[in-house]
Amino acid sequence: MAVKVVIPTPLRQFTAKQESVDLEAKTVGEALNSLTSRYADLRKHLYSEDGRLRSFVNVYVNDEDIRFLQKEKTALTQGDTISIVPSIAGGAGR
């Protein structure tokens, strides 16, 4: 299935400035593995050393959070859009 992965601005430096990448994948996990195989420097920003998706990285398929679906096993269909949304911490100090 052809799917599109939207790359957030802070991570585009690791994807040759690509705003999105088109991939062939049947699941979210396959898509992310394909993406990090193509752009190896991106892997450490998405995955911890034990191979798990980092807790501050949120992934959506067509605006649905994969944590409430089947996580990385979430099935994809032709034309789906995967969005990677890193959590941003911080705020105004006192």
PDB file of N, CA and C in Angstrom:
ATOM      1  N   MET A   1       0.836  -1.175   0.000  1.00  0.00           N
ATOM      2  CA  MET A   1       0.000   0.000   0.000  1.00  0.00           C
ATOM      3  C   MET A   1       0.884   1.242   0.000  1.00  0.00           C
ATOM      4  N   ALA A   2       0.565   2.173  -0.832  1.00  0.00           N
ATOM      5  CA  ALA A   2       1.287   3.440  -0.820  1.00  0.00           C
ATOM      6  C   ALA A   2       0.690   4.336   0.262  1.00  0.00           C
ATOM      7  N   VAL A   3       1.542   4.787   1.172  1.00  0.00           N
ATOM      8  CA  VAL A   3       1.128   5.690   2.245  1.00  0.00           C
ATOM      9  C   VAL A   3       2.080   6.872   2.293  1.00  0.00           C
ATOM     10  N   LYS A   4       1.628   7.933   2.943  1.00  0.00           N
ATOM     11  CA  LYS A   4       2.462   9.121   3.086  1.00  0.00           C
ATOM     12  C   LYS A   4       2.782   9.312   4.555  1.00  0.00           C
ATOM     13  N   VAL A   5       4.064   9.579   4.843  1.00  0.00           N
ATOM     14  CA  VAL A   5       4.490   9.889   6.200  1.00  0.00           C
ATOM     15  C   VAL A   5       4.851  11.373   6.236  1.00  0.00           C
ATOM     16  N   VAL A   6       4.153  12.117   7.084  1.00  0.00           N
ATOM     17  CA  VAL A   6       4.415  13.550   7.233  1.00  0.00           C
ATOM     18  C   VAL A   6       5.518  13.719   8.279  1.00  0.00           C
ATOM     19  N   ILE A   7       6.563  14.445   7.893  1.00  0.00           N
ATOM     20  CA  ILE A   7       7.725  14.648   8.755  1.00  0.00           C
ATOM     21  C   ILE A   7       7.592  16.005   9.451  1.00  0.00           C
ATOM     22  N   PRO A   8       7.656  16.041  10.787  1.00  0.00           N
ATOM     23  CA  PRO A   8       7.557  17.325  11.481  1.00  0.00           C
ATOM     24  C   PRO A   8       8.806  18.172  11.240  1.00  0.00           C
ATOM     25  N   THR A   9       8.649  19.473  11.276  1.00  0.00           N
ATOM     26  CA  THR A   9       9.742  20.399  10.990  1.00  0.00           C
ATOM     27  C   THR A   9      11.032  20.086  11.748  1.00  0.00           C
ATOM     28  N   PRO A  10      10.997  19.807  13.062  1.00  0.00           N
ATOM     29  CA  PRO A  10      12.263  19.564  13.769  1.00  0.00           C
ATOM     30  C   PRO A  10      13.025  18.321  13.284  1.00  0.00           C
ATOM     31  N   LEU A  11      12.325  17.386  12.639  1.00  0.00           N
ATOM     32  CA  LEU A  11      12.987  16.153  12.187  1.00  0.00           C
ATOM     33  C   LEU A  11      13.361  16.179  10.705  1.00  0.00           C
ATOM     34  N   ARG A  12      12.985  17.209  10.000  1.00  0.00           N
ATOM     35  CA  ARG A  12      13.274  17.274   8.557  1.00  0.00           C
ATOM     36  C   ARG A  12      14.767  17.337   8.250  1.00  0.00           C
ATOM     37  N   GLN A  13      15.556  17.813   9.200  1.00  0.00           N
ATOM     38  CA  GLN A  13      17.002  17.834   8.978  1.00  0.00           C
ATOM     39  C   GLN A  13      17.562  16.420   8.799  1.00  0.00           C
ATOM     40  N   PHE A  14      16.827  15.414   9.249  1.00  0.00           N
ATOM     41  CA  PHE A  14      17.263  14.023   9.128  1.00  0.00           C
ATOM     42  C   PHE A  14      16.667  13.322   7.909  1.00  0.00           C
ATOM     43  N   THR A  15      15.785  14.023   7.171  1.00  0.00           N
ATOM     44  CA  THR A  15      15.146  13.437   5.992  1.00  0.00           C
ATOM     45  C   THR A  15      15.405  14.275   4.743  1.00  0.00           C
ATOM     46  N   ALA A  16      16.588  14.863   4.676  1.00  0.00           N
ATOM     47  CA  ALA A  16      16.971  15.685   3.517  1.00  0.00           C
ATOM     48  C   ALA A  16      15.940  16.784   3.257  1.00  0.00           C
ATOM     49  N   LYS A  17      15.404  17.352   4.352  1.00  0.00           N
ATOM     50  CA  LYS A  17      14.442  18.471   4.298  1.00  0.00           C
ATOM     51  C   LYS A  17      13.086  18.093   3.699  1.00  0.00           C
ATOM     52  N   GLN A  18      12.808  16.796   3.598  1.00  0.00           N
ATOM     53  CA  GLN A  18      11.526  16.342   3.054  1.00  0.00           C
ATOM     54  C   GLN A  18      10.386  16.666   4.021  1.00  0.00           C
ATOM     55  N   GLU A  19       9.301  17.234   3.512  1.00  0.00           N
ATOM     56  CA  GLU A  19       8.110  17.485   4.325  1.00  0.00           C
ATOM     57  C   GLU A  19       7.302  16.210   4.515  1.00  0.00           C
ATOM     58  N   SER A  20       7.384  15.329   3.523  1.00  0.00           N
ATOM     59  CA  SER A  20       6.699  14.044   3.607  1.00  0.00           C
ATOM     60  C   SER A  20       7.455  13.029   2.749  1.00  0.00           C
ATOM     61  N   VAL A  21       7.216  11.778   3.052  1.00  0.00           N
ATOM     62  CA  VAL A  21       7.868  10.682   2.333  1.00  0.00           C
ATOM     63  C   VAL A  21       6.798   9.665   1.974  1.00  0.00           C
ATOM     64  N   ASP A  22       6.759   9.242   0.723  1.00  0.00           N
ATOM     65  CA  ASP A  22       5.829   8.209   0.290  1.00  0.00           C
ATOM     66  C   ASP A  22       6.508   6.853   0.408  1.00  0.00           C
ATOM     67  N   LEU A  23       5.808   5.903   0.997  1.00  0.00           N
ATOM     68  CA  LEU A  23       6.359   4.567   1.240  1.00  0.00           C
ATOM     69  C   LEU A  23       5.327   3.498   0.903  1.00  0.00           C
ATOM     70  N   GLU A  24       5.825   2.288   0.732  1.00  0.00           N
ATOM     71  CA  GLU A  24       4.961   1.114   0.608  1.00  0.00           C
ATOM     72  C   GLU A  24       5.007   0.389   1.950  1.00  0.00           C
ATOM     73  N   ALA A  25       3.858   0.206   2.588  1.00  0.00           N
ATOM     74  CA  ALA A  25       3.825  -0.475   3.882  1.00  0.00           C
ATOM     75  C   ALA A  25       2.414  -0.968   4.172  1.00  0.00           C
ATOM     76  N   LYS A  26       2.335  -2.069   4.915  1.00  0.00           N
ATOM     77  CA  LYS A  26       1.048  -2.630   5.304  1.00  0.00           C
ATOM     78  C   LYS A  26       0.660  -2.262   6.733  1.00  0.00           C
ATOM     79  N   THR A  27       1.667  -1.894   7.548  1.00  0.00           N
ATOM     80  CA  THR A  27       1.404  -1.500   8.931  1.00  0.00           C
ATOM     81  C   THR A  27       2.211  -0.252   9.267  1.00  0.00           C
ATOM     82  N   VAL A  28       1.855   0.394  10.362  1.00  0.00           N
ATOM     83  CA  VAL A  28       2.601   1.560  10.820  1.00  0.00           C
ATOM     84  C   VAL A  28       4.053   1.174  11.103  1.00  0.00           C
ATOM     85  N   GLY A  29       4.254   0.031  11.744  1.00  0.00           N
ATOM     86  CA  GLY A  29       5.612  -0.422  12.049  1.00  0.00           C
ATOM     87  C   GLY A  29       6.453  -0.590  10.794  1.00  0.00           C
ATOM     88  N   GLU A  30       5.875  -1.187   9.753  1.00  0.00           N
ATOM     89  CA  GLU A  30       6.593  -1.349   8.480  1.00  0.00           C
ATOM     90  C   GLU A  30       6.954   0.013   7.896  1.00  0.00           C
ATOM     91  N   ALA A  31       6.020   0.951   7.963  1.00  0.00           N
ATOM     92  CA  ALA A  31       6.266   2.283   7.412  1.00  0.00           C
ATOM     93  C   ALA A  31       7.396   2.978   8.162  1.00  0.00           C
ATOM     94  N   LEU A  32       7.368   2.910   9.488  1.00  0.00           N
ATOM     95  CA  LEU A  32       8.413   3.565  10.271  1.00  0.00           C
ATOM     96  C   LEU A  32       9.760   2.883  10.080  1.00  0.00           C
ATOM     97  N   ASN A  33       9.753   1.559   9.955  1.00  0.00           N
ATOM     98  CA  ASN A  33      11.010   0.844   9.691  1.00  0.00           C
ATOM     99  C   ASN A  33      11.568   1.212   8.328  1.00  0.00           C
ATOM    100  N   SER A  34      10.706   1.312   7.342  1.00  0.00           N
ATOM    101  CA  SER A  34      11.135   1.708   6.008  1.00  0.00           C
ATOM    102  C   SER A  34      11.697   3.129   6.027  1.00  0.00           C
ATOM    103  N   LEU A  35      11.010   4.006   6.739  1.00  0.00           N
ATOM    104  CA  LEU A  35      11.460   5.396   6.850  1.00  0.00           C
ATOM    105  C   LEU A  35      12.830   5.489   7.504  1.00  0.00           C
ATOM    106  N   THR A  36      13.017   4.756   8.611  1.00  0.00           N
ATOM    107  CA  THR A  36      14.298   4.834   9.322  1.00  0.00           C
ATOM    108  C   THR A  36      15.392   4.047   8.620  1.00  0.00           C
ATOM    109  N   SER A  37      15.030   3.132   7.737  1.00  0.00           N
ATOM    110  CA  SER A  37      16.040   2.465   6.909  1.00  0.00           C
ATOM    111  C   SER A  37      16.545   3.428   5.844  1.00  0.00           C
ATOM    112  N   ARG A  38      15.621   4.212   5.305  1.00  0.00           N
ATOM    113  CA  ARG A  38      15.976   5.186   4.276  1.00  0.00           C
ATOM    114  C   ARG A  38      16.753   6.354   4.875  1.00  0.00           C
ATOM    115  N   TYR A  39      16.376   6.763   6.074  1.00  0.00           N
ATOM    116  CA  TYR A  39      17.006   7.898   6.763  1.00  0.00           C
ATOM    117  C   TYR A  39      17.482   7.423   8.138  1.00  0.00           C
ATOM    118  N   ALA A  40      18.645   6.787   8.156  1.00  0.00           N
ATOM    119  CA  ALA A  40      19.154   6.129   9.361  1.00  0.00           C
ATOM    120  C   ALA A  40      19.315   7.068  10.559  1.00  0.00           C
ATOM    121  N   ASP A  41      19.685   8.320  10.317  1.00  0.00           N
ATOM    122  CA  ASP A  41      19.873   9.260  11.433  1.00  0.00           C
ATOM    123  C   ASP A  41      18.570   9.566  12.159  1.00  0.00           C
ATOM    124  N   LEU A  42      17.468   9.316  11.525  1.00  0.00           N
ATOM    125  CA  LEU A  42      16.162   9.570  12.126  1.00  0.00           C
ATOM    126  C   LEU A  42      15.827   8.533  13.205  1.00  0.00           C
ATOM    127  N   ARG A  43      16.366   7.328  13.094  1.00  0.00           N
ATOM    128  CA  ARG A  43      16.021   6.221  13.986  1.00  0.00           C
ATOM    129  C   ARG A  43      16.168   6.576  15.463  1.00  0.00           C
ATOM    130  N   LYS A  44      17.294   7.188  15.832  1.00  0.00           N
ATOM    131  CA  LYS A  44      17.538   7.485  17.254  1.00  0.00           C
ATOM    132  C   LYS A  44      16.572   8.530  17.803  1.00  0.00           C
ATOM    133  N   HIS A  45      15.935   9.287  16.931  1.00  0.00           N
ATOM    134  CA  HIS A  45      14.973  10.288  17.379  1.00  0.00           C
ATOM    135  C   HIS A  45      13.575   9.699  17.537  1.00  0.00           C
ATOM    136  N   LEU A  46      13.322   8.571  16.901  1.00  0.00           N
ATOM    137  CA  LEU A  46      12.004   7.924  17.002  1.00  0.00           C
ATOM    138  C   LEU A  46      12.000   6.735  17.956  1.00  0.00           C
ATOM    139  N   TYR A  47      13.130   6.014  18.029  1.00  0.00           N
ATOM    140  CA  TYR A  47      13.192   4.774  18.809  1.00  0.00           C
ATOM    141  C   TYR A  47      14.238   4.851  19.909  1.00  0.00           C
ATOM    142  N   SER A  48      13.933   4.206  21.035  1.00  0.00           N
ATOM    143  CA  SER A  48      14.913   4.083  22.117  1.00  0.00           C
ATOM    144  C   SER A  48      15.897   2.971  21.746  1.00  0.00           C
ATOM    145  N   GLU A  49      16.929   2.810  22.558  1.00  0.00           N
ATOM    146  CA  GLU A  49      17.951   1.801  22.264  1.00  0.00           C
ATOM    147  C   GLU A  49      17.401   0.383  22.286  1.00  0.00           C
ATOM    148  N   ASP A  50      16.308   0.163  23.032  1.00  0.00           N
ATOM    149  CA  ASP A  50      15.721  -1.176  23.073  1.00  0.00           C
ATOM    150  C   ASP A  50      14.725  -1.418  21.933  1.00  0.00           C
ATOM    151  N   GLY A  51      14.659  -0.463  20.992  1.00  0.00           N
ATOM    152  CA  GLY A  51      13.835  -0.652  19.802  1.00  0.00           C
ATOM    153  C   GLY A  51      12.386  -0.239  19.937  1.00  0.00           C
ATOM    154  N   ARG A  52      12.026   0.372  21.061  1.00  0.00           N
ATOM    155  CA  ARG A  52      10.641   0.818  21.253  1.00  0.00           C
ATOM    156  C   ARG A  52      10.485   2.257  20.794  1.00  0.00           C
ATOM    157  N   LEU A  53       9.305   2.546  20.277  1.00  0.00           N
ATOM    158  CA  LEU A  53       8.986   3.915  19.892  1.00  0.00           C
ATOM    159  C   LEU A  53       9.086   4.782  21.145  1.00  0.00           C
ATOM    160  N   ARG A  54       9.787   5.887  21.051  1.00  0.00           N
ATOM    161  CA  ARG A  54       9.982   6.751  22.219  1.00  0.00           C
ATOM    162  C   ARG A  54       8.639   7.273  22.731  1.00  0.00           C
ATOM    163  N   SER A  55       8.551   7.426  24.051  1.00  0.00           N
ATOM    164  CA  SER A  55       7.275   7.821  24.675  1.00  0.00           C
ATOM    165  C   SER A  55       6.832   9.221  24.265  1.00  0.00           C
ATOM    166  N   PHE A  56       7.768  10.080  23.893  1.00  0.00           N
ATOM    167  CA  PHE A  56       7.400  11.447  23.521  1.00  0.00           C
ATOM    168  C   PHE A  56       7.116  11.591  22.026  1.00  0.00           C
ATOM    169  N   VAL A  57       7.151  10.481  21.296  1.00  0.00           N
ATOM    170  CA  VAL A  57       6.833  10.509  19.869  1.00  0.00           C
ATOM    171  C   VAL A  57       5.407   9.980  19.694  1.00  0.00           C
ATOM    172  N   ASN A  58       4.526  10.844  19.213  1.00  0.00           N
ATOM    173  CA  ASN A  58       3.149  10.449  18.964  1.00  0.00           C
ATOM    174  C   ASN A  58       2.985  10.197  17.468  1.00  0.00           C
ATOM    175  N   VAL A  59       2.297   9.113  17.141  1.00  0.00           N
ATOM    176  CA  VAL A  59       2.096   8.748  15.740  1.00  0.00           C
ATOM    177  C   VAL A  59       0.593   8.621  15.487  1.00  0.00           C
ATOM    178  N   TYR A  60       0.156   9.235  14.396  1.00  0.00           N
ATOM    179  CA  TYR A  60      -1.252   9.231  14.024  1.00  0.00           C
ATOM    180  C   TYR A  60      -1.414   8.674  12.618  1.00  0.00           C
ATOM    181  N   VAL A  61      -2.494   7.940  12.405  1.00  0.00           N
ATOM    182  CA  VAL A  61      -2.883   7.501  11.068  1.00  0.00           C
ATOM    183  C   VAL A  61      -4.200   8.191  10.779  1.00  0.00           C
ATOM    184  N   ASN A  62      -4.182   9.074   9.791  1.00  0.00           N
ATOM    185  CA  ASN A  62      -5.393   9.836   9.444  1.00  0.00           C
ATOM    186  C   ASN A  62      -6.036  10.460  10.683  1.00  0.00           C
ATOM    187  N   ASP A  63      -5.250  11.108  11.511  1.00  0.00           N
ATOM    188  CA  ASP A  63      -5.690  11.814  12.711  1.00  0.00           C
ATOM    189  C   ASP A  63      -6.117  10.902  13.869  1.00  0.00           C
ATOM    190  N   GLU A  64      -5.886   9.594  13.750  1.00  0.00           N
ATOM    191  CA  GLU A  64      -6.194   8.663  14.843  1.00  0.00           C
ATOM    192  C   GLU A  64      -4.883   8.274  15.524  1.00  0.00           C
ATOM    193  N   ASP A  65      -4.812   8.466  16.834  1.00  0.00           N
ATOM    194  CA  ASP A  65      -3.620   8.130  17.610  1.00  0.00           C
ATOM    195  C   ASP A  65      -3.444   6.610  17.626  1.00  0.00           C
ATOM    196  N   ILE A  66      -2.277   6.118  17.189  1.00  0.00           N
ATOM    197  CA  ILE A  66      -2.077   4.661  17.120  1.00  0.00           C
ATOM    198  C   ILE A  66      -2.073   4.007  18.494  1.00  0.00           C
ATOM    199  N   ARG A  67      -1.874   4.780  19.558  1.00  0.00           N
ATOM    200  CA  ARG A  67      -1.922   4.210  20.913  1.00  0.00           C
ATOM    201  C   ARG A  67      -3.310   3.678  21.225  1.00  0.00           C
ATOM    202  N   PHE A  68      -4.334   4.223  20.551  1.00  0.00           N
ATOM    203  CA  PHE A  68      -5.712   3.782  20.777  1.00  0.00           C
ATOM    204  C   PHE A  68      -6.176   2.832  19.681  1.00  0.00           C
ATOM    205  N   LEU A  69      -5.272   2.475  18.784  1.00  0.00           N
ATOM    206  CA  LEU A  69      -5.559   1.491  17.735  1.00  0.00           C
ATOM    207  C   LEU A  69      -4.746   0.244  18.066  1.00  0.00           C
ATOM    208  N   GLN A  70      -3.953  -0.243  17.118  1.00  0.00           N
ATOM    209  CA  GLN A  70      -3.114  -1.408  17.387  1.00  0.00           C
ATOM    210  C   GLN A  70      -1.636  -1.034  17.441  1.00  0.00           C
ATOM    211  N   LYS A  71      -1.369   0.206  17.866  1.00  0.00           N
ATOM    212  CA  LYS A  71      -0.008   0.727  17.961  1.00  0.00           C
ATOM    213  C   LYS A  71       0.726   0.515  16.651  1.00  0.00           C
ATOM    214  N   GLU A  72       1.947  -0.025  16.691  1.00  0.00           N
ATOM    215  CA  GLU A  72       2.724  -0.184  15.454  1.00  0.00           C
ATOM    216  C   GLU A  72       2.170  -1.281  14.543  1.00  0.00           C
ATOM    217  N   LYS A  73       1.278  -2.095  15.063  1.00  0.00           N
ATOM    218  CA  LYS A  73       0.658  -3.139  14.240  1.00  0.00           C
ATOM    219  C   LYS A  73      -0.586  -2.621  13.510  1.00  0.00           C
ATOM    220  N   THR A  74      -0.894  -1.350  13.686  1.00  0.00           N
ATOM    221  CA  THR A  74      -2.052  -0.747  13.026  1.00  0.00           C
ATOM    222  C   THR A  74      -1.946  -0.926  11.517  1.00  0.00           C
ATOM    223  N   ALA A  75      -2.970  -1.528  10.935  1.00  0.00           N
ATOM    224  CA  ALA A  75      -2.985  -1.781   9.492  1.00  0.00           C
ATOM    225  C   ALA A  75      -3.194  -0.477   8.721  1.00  0.00           C
ATOM    226  N   LEU A  76      -2.585  -0.424   7.553  1.00  0.00           N
ATOM    227  CA  LEU A  76      -2.707   0.733   6.678  1.00  0.00           C
ATOM    228  C   LEU A  76      -3.451   0.352   5.412  1.00  0.00           C
ATOM    229  N   THR A  77      -4.102   1.346   4.812  1.00  0.00           N
ATOM    230  CA  THR A  77      -4.734   1.140   3.517  1.00  0.00           C
ATOM    231  C   THR A  77      -4.184   2.180   2.550  1.00  0.00           C
ATOM    232  N   GLN A  78      -4.359   1.909   1.284  1.00  0.00           N
ATOM    233  CA  GLN A  78      -3.882   2.789   0.217  1.00  0.00           C
ATOM    234  C   GLN A  78      -4.262   4.239   0.495  1.00  0.00           C
ATOM    235  N   GLY A  79      -3.279   5.130   0.456  1.00  0.00           N
ATOM    236  CA  GLY A  79      -3.549   6.559   0.612  1.00  0.00           C
ATOM    237  C   GLY A  79      -3.581   7.071   2.038  1.00  0.00           C
ATOM    238  N   ASP A  80      -3.361   6.209   3.030  1.00  0.00           N
ATOM    239  CA  ASP A  80      -3.337   6.672   4.415  1.00  0.00           C
ATOM    240  C   ASP A  80      -2.199   7.663   4.628  1.00  0.00           C
ATOM    241  N   THR A  81      -2.382   8.534   5.612  1.00  0.00           N
ATOM    242  CA  THR A  81      -1.349   9.493   5.992  1.00  0.00           C
ATOM    243  C   THR A  81      -0.939   9.227   7.431  1.00  0.00           C
ATOM    244  N   ILE A  82       0.359   9.049   7.633  1.00  0.00           N
ATOM    245  CA  ILE A  82       0.927   8.866   8.967  1.00  0.00           C
ATOM    246  C   ILE A  82       1.573  10.190   9.355  1.00  0.00           C
ATOM    247  N   SER A  83       1.228  10.685  10.522  1.00  0.00           N
ATOM    248  CA  SER A  83       1.833  11.911  11.032  1.00  0.00           C
ATOM    249  C   SER A  83       2.657  11.587  12.264  1.00  0.00           C
ATOM    250  N   ILE A  84       3.891  12.067  12.292  1.00  0.00           N
ATOM    251  CA  ILE A  84       4.769  11.925  13.451  1.00  0.00           C
ATOM    252  C   ILE A  84       4.729  13.257  14.181  1.00  0.00           C
ATOM    253  N   VAL A  85       4.341  13.209  15.457  1.00  0.00           N
ATOM    254  CA  VAL A  85       4.206  14.440  16.230  1.00  0.00           C
ATOM    255  C   VAL A  85       4.994  14.307  17.535  1.00  0.00           C
ATOM    256  N   PRO A  86       6.196  14.892  17.574  1.00  0.00           N
ATOM    257  CA  PRO A  86       6.954  14.829  18.829  1.00  0.00           C
ATOM    258  C   PRO A  86       6.315  15.741  19.867  1.00  0.00           C
ATOM    259  N   SER A  87       6.229  15.258  21.095  1.00  0.00           N
ATOM    260  CA  SER A  87       5.717  16.087  22.184  1.00  0.00           C
ATOM    261  C   SER A  87       6.715  17.192  22.463  1.00  0.00           C
ATOM    262  N   ILE A  88       6.196  18.341  22.817  1.00  0.00           N
ATOM    263  CA  ILE A  88       7.060  19.461  23.149  1.00  0.00           C
ATOM    264  C   ILE A  88       6.828  19.807  24.606  1.00  0.00           C
ATOM    265  N   ALA A  89       7.905  19.781  25.384  1.00  0.00           N
ATOM    266  CA  ALA A  89       7.811  20.094  26.810  1.00  0.00           C
ATOM    267  C   ALA A  89       8.234  21.527  27.037  1.00  0.00           C
ATOM    268  N   GLY A  90       7.889  22.007  28.186  1.00  0.00           N
ATOM    269  CA  GLY A  90       8.314  23.354  28.547  1.00  0.00           C
ATOM    270  C   GLY A  90       7.136  24.272  28.720  1.00  0.00           C
ATOM    271  N   GLY A  91       7.441  25.519  28.887  1.00  0.00           N
ATOM    272  CA  GLY A  91       6.394  26.511  29.094  1.00  0.00           C
ATOM    273  C   GLY A  91       6.973  27.704  29.795  1.00  0.00           C
ATOM    274  N   ALA A  92       6.123  28.549  30.234  1.00  0.00           N
ATOM    275  CA  ALA A  92       6.572  29.767  30.902  1.00  0.00           C
ATOM    276  C   ALA A  92       7.054  29.452  32.311  1.00  0.00           C
ATOM    277  N   GLY A  93       8.189  30.004  32.651  1.00  0.00           N
ATOM    278  CA  GLY A  93       8.715  29.830  34.006  1.00  0.00           C
ATOM    279  C   GLY A  93       8.059  30.821  34.950  1.00  0.00           C
ATOM    280  N   ARG A  94       8.257  30.597  36.220  1.00  0.00           N
ATOM    281  CA  ARG A  94       7.646  31.502  37.209  1.00  0.00           C
ATOM    282  C   ARG A  94       8.600  32.589  37.581  1.00  0.00           C
TER     283      ARG A  94
END
